[in-house]
């Protein structure tokens, strides 16, 4: 399944380099506490077990999604929220907040 733009919360995806473990999207626009200059599009948890421990939260970007298995619930509010979140992510990237995997500028 092909999907353009940010996926809604609850979507389930397969990630590149993460074999046999679907991931459910549970949040957007996340930074690592020890790397505040790194920005991730999503945070997720293993599906179907969920986040049973803090170390099971996965941070990843849209480009790391290999396959969309299921698109989460889209409400009327989602049609307003998701484009705003895409705009916020774009603005943060323009302020030199690096996405994970991008080279540092010198």
C-alpha atoms as a PDB file:
ATOM      1  CA  UNK A   1       0.000   0.000   0.000  1.00  0.00           C
ATOM      2  CA  UNK A   2       1.390   3.393  -1.007  1.00  0.00           C
ATOM      3  CA  UNK A   3       0.654   6.401   1.210  1.00  0.00           C
ATOM      4  CA  UNK A   4       1.781   9.992   0.698  1.00  0.00           C
ATOM      5  CA  UNK A   5       2.374  12.306   3.641  1.00  0.00           C
ATOM      6  CA  UNK A   6       2.395  11.537   7.342  1.00  0.00           C
ATOM      7  CA  UNK A   7       0.514   8.443   8.348  1.00  0.00           C
ATOM      8  CA  UNK A   8      -2.177   8.715  11.022  1.00  0.00           C
ATOM      9  CA  UNK A   9      -1.666   7.427  14.556  1.00  0.00           C
ATOM     10  CA  UNK A  10      -2.429   3.724  14.724  1.00  0.00           C
ATOM     11  CA  UNK A  11      -0.998   2.954  11.296  1.00  0.00           C
ATOM     12  CA  UNK A  12       1.034  -0.244  11.151  1.00  0.00           C
ATOM     13  CA  UNK A  13       4.173  -0.420   9.012  1.00  0.00           C
ATOM     14  CA  UNK A  14       7.176  -2.576   8.248  1.00  0.00           C
ATOM     15  CA  UNK A  15      10.468  -0.727   8.542  1.00  0.00           C
ATOM     16  CA  UNK A  16      13.558  -1.234   6.434  1.00  0.00           C
ATOM     17  CA  UNK A  17      16.189  -3.203   8.379  1.00  0.00           C
ATOM     18  CA  UNK A  18      13.662  -4.368  11.023  1.00  0.00           C
ATOM     19  CA  UNK A  19      12.656  -7.875  10.017  1.00  0.00           C
ATOM     20  CA  UNK A  20       9.452  -9.630  11.025  1.00  0.00           C
ATOM     21  CA  UNK A  21       8.299  -6.944  13.445  1.00  0.00           C
ATOM     22  CA  UNK A  22       5.452  -4.658  12.418  1.00  0.00           C
ATOM     23  CA  UNK A  23       5.481  -1.253  14.114  1.00  0.00           C
ATOM     24  CA  UNK A  24       2.431   0.806  15.101  1.00  0.00           C
ATOM     25  CA  UNK A  25       2.777   4.578  14.865  1.00  0.00           C
ATOM     26  CA  UNK A  26       1.957   6.242  18.185  1.00  0.00           C
ATOM     27  CA  UNK A  27       3.365   9.761  17.851  1.00  0.00           C
ATOM     28  CA  UNK A  28       4.996  12.438  15.714  1.00  0.00           C
ATOM     29  CA  UNK A  29       7.912  14.849  15.732  1.00  0.00           C
ATOM     30  CA  UNK A  30      10.130  13.211  18.340  1.00  0.00           C
ATOM     31  CA  UNK A  31      13.640  14.022  19.513  1.00  0.00           C
ATOM     32  CA  UNK A  32      16.022  11.881  21.518  1.00  0.00           C
ATOM     33  CA  UNK A  33      16.731  13.366  24.945  1.00  0.00           C
ATOM     34  CA  UNK A  34      20.477  12.838  24.507  1.00  0.00           C
ATOM     35  CA  UNK A  35      20.464  14.150  20.901  1.00  0.00           C
ATOM     36  CA  UNK A  36      18.128  17.161  20.784  1.00  0.00           C
ATOM     37  CA  UNK A  37      19.406  18.128  17.332  1.00  0.00           C
ATOM     38  CA  UNK A  38      17.981  14.907  15.845  1.00  0.00           C
ATOM     39  CA  UNK A  39      14.363  14.909  14.718  1.00  0.00           C
ATOM     40  CA  UNK A  40      12.264  11.875  13.851  1.00  0.00           C
ATOM     41  CA  UNK A  41       8.957  11.905  11.971  1.00  0.00           C
ATOM     42  CA  UNK A  42       7.447   9.141  14.100  1.00  0.00           C
ATOM     43  CA  UNK A  43       7.673   7.127  17.265  1.00  0.00           C
ATOM     44  CA  UNK A  44       6.204   3.667  17.314  1.00  0.00           C
ATOM     45  CA  UNK A  45       5.916   0.445  19.231  1.00  0.00           C
ATOM     46  CA  UNK A  46       5.953  -3.223  18.294  1.00  0.00           C
ATOM     47  CA  UNK A  47       2.653  -4.511  16.946  1.00  0.00           C
ATOM     48  CA  UNK A  48       0.608  -6.254  18.292  1.00  0.00           C
ATOM     49  CA  UNK A  49       2.220  -6.248  21.762  1.00  0.00           C
ATOM     50  CA  UNK A  50       2.492  -2.474  22.146  1.00  0.00           C
ATOM     51  CA  UNK A  51       4.999  -0.559  24.265  1.00  0.00           C
ATOM     52  CA  UNK A  52       5.546  -2.941  27.164  1.00  0.00           C
ATOM     53  CA  UNK A  53       8.756  -1.181  28.213  1.00  0.00           C
ATOM     54  CA  UNK A  54      10.285   2.262  27.547  1.00  0.00           C
ATOM     55  CA  UNK A  55      13.151   0.729  25.560  1.00  0.00           C
ATOM     56  CA  UNK A  56      10.673  -0.696  23.040  1.00  0.00           C
ATOM     57  CA  UNK A  57       9.798   2.707  21.570  1.00  0.00           C
ATOM     58  CA  UNK A  58      11.171   3.027  18.050  1.00  0.00           C
ATOM     59  CA  UNK A  59      12.026   6.384  16.473  1.00  0.00           C
ATOM     60  CA  UNK A  60      11.990   6.521  12.686  1.00  0.00           C
ATOM     61  CA  UNK A  61      11.421   8.666   9.620  1.00  0.00           C
ATOM     62  CA  UNK A  62       8.946   8.261   6.783  1.00  0.00           C
ATOM     63  CA  UNK A  63      11.747   7.261   4.400  1.00  0.00           C
ATOM     64  CA  UNK A  64      12.492   4.236   6.615  1.00  0.00           C
ATOM     65  CA  UNK A  65       9.040   2.757   6.004  1.00  0.00           C
ATOM     66  CA  UNK A  66       9.305  -0.234   3.721  1.00  0.00           C
ATOM     67  CA  UNK A  67       5.622  -1.112   3.588  1.00  0.00           C
ATOM     68  CA  UNK A  68       2.362   0.289   4.982  1.00  0.00           C
ATOM     69  CA  UNK A  69       0.390  -2.654   6.359  1.00  0.00           C
ATOM     70  CA  UNK A  70      -2.591  -0.701   7.696  1.00  0.00           C
ATOM     71  CA  UNK A  71      -3.564   2.980   7.757  1.00  0.00           C
ATOM     72  CA  UNK A  72      -4.822   4.201  11.136  1.00  0.00           C
ATOM     73  CA  UNK A  73      -8.143   5.836  11.873  1.00  0.00           C
ATOM     74  CA  UNK A  74      -8.627   9.160  10.085  1.00  0.00           C
ATOM     75  CA  UNK A  75     -11.164  11.503  11.670  1.00  0.00           C
ATOM     76  CA  UNK A  76     -12.274  14.922  10.504  1.00  0.00           C
ATOM     77  CA  UNK A  77      -9.777  16.365  12.980  1.00  0.00           C
ATOM     78  CA  UNK A  78      -7.002  14.330  11.342  1.00  0.00           C
ATOM     79  CA  UNK A  79      -7.577  16.130   8.044  1.00  0.00           C
ATOM     80  CA  UNK A  80      -6.686  19.384   9.818  1.00  0.00           C
ATOM     81  CA  UNK A  81      -4.030  18.066  12.213  1.00  0.00           C
ATOM     82  CA  UNK A  82      -1.842  16.044   9.836  1.00  0.00           C
ATOM     83  CA  UNK A  83      -1.147  18.906   7.370  1.00  0.00           C
ATOM     84  CA  UNK A  84      -0.304  21.171  10.337  1.00  0.00           C
ATOM     85  CA  UNK A  85       2.099  18.535  11.678  1.00  0.00           C
ATOM     86  CA  UNK A  86       3.723  18.235   8.246  1.00  0.00           C
ATOM     87  CA  UNK A  87       4.191  22.025   8.256  1.00  0.00           C
ATOM     88  CA  UNK A  88       5.721  21.965  11.749  1.00  0.00           C
ATOM     89  CA  UNK A  89       8.163  19.228  10.720  1.00  0.00           C
ATOM     90  CA  UNK A  90       9.160  21.195   7.603  1.00  0.00           C
ATOM     91  CA  UNK A  91       9.721  24.354   9.649  1.00  0.00           C
ATOM     92  CA  UNK A  92      11.853  22.514  12.196  1.00  0.00           C
ATOM     93  CA  UNK A  93      13.965  21.021   9.416  1.00  0.00           C
ATOM     94  CA  UNK A  94      14.533  24.502   7.977  1.00  0.00           C
ATOM     95  CA  UNK A  95      15.840  25.584  11.388  1.00  0.00           C
ATOM     96  CA  UNK A  96      18.715  23.108  10.975  1.00  0.00           C
ATOM     97  CA  UNK A  97      17.258  20.394  13.145  1.00  0.00           C
ATOM     98  CA  UNK A  98      18.691  17.291  11.557  1.00  0.00           C
ATOM     99  CA  UNK A  99      16.727  14.196  10.730  1.00  0.00           C
ATOM    100  CA  UNK A 100      18.329  10.981  11.900  1.00  0.00           C
ATOM    101  CA  UNK A 101      20.748   9.755   9.263  1.00  0.00           C
ATOM    102  CA  UNK A 102      21.420  13.181   7.721  1.00  0.00           C
ATOM    103  CA  UNK A 103      25.030  14.348   7.710  1.00  0.00           C
ATOM    104  CA  UNK A 104      25.976  17.214   9.998  1.00  0.00           C
ATOM    105  CA  UNK A 105      26.741  20.455   8.184  1.00  0.00           C
ATOM    106  CA  UNK A 106      30.084  22.061   8.952  1.00  0.00           C
END
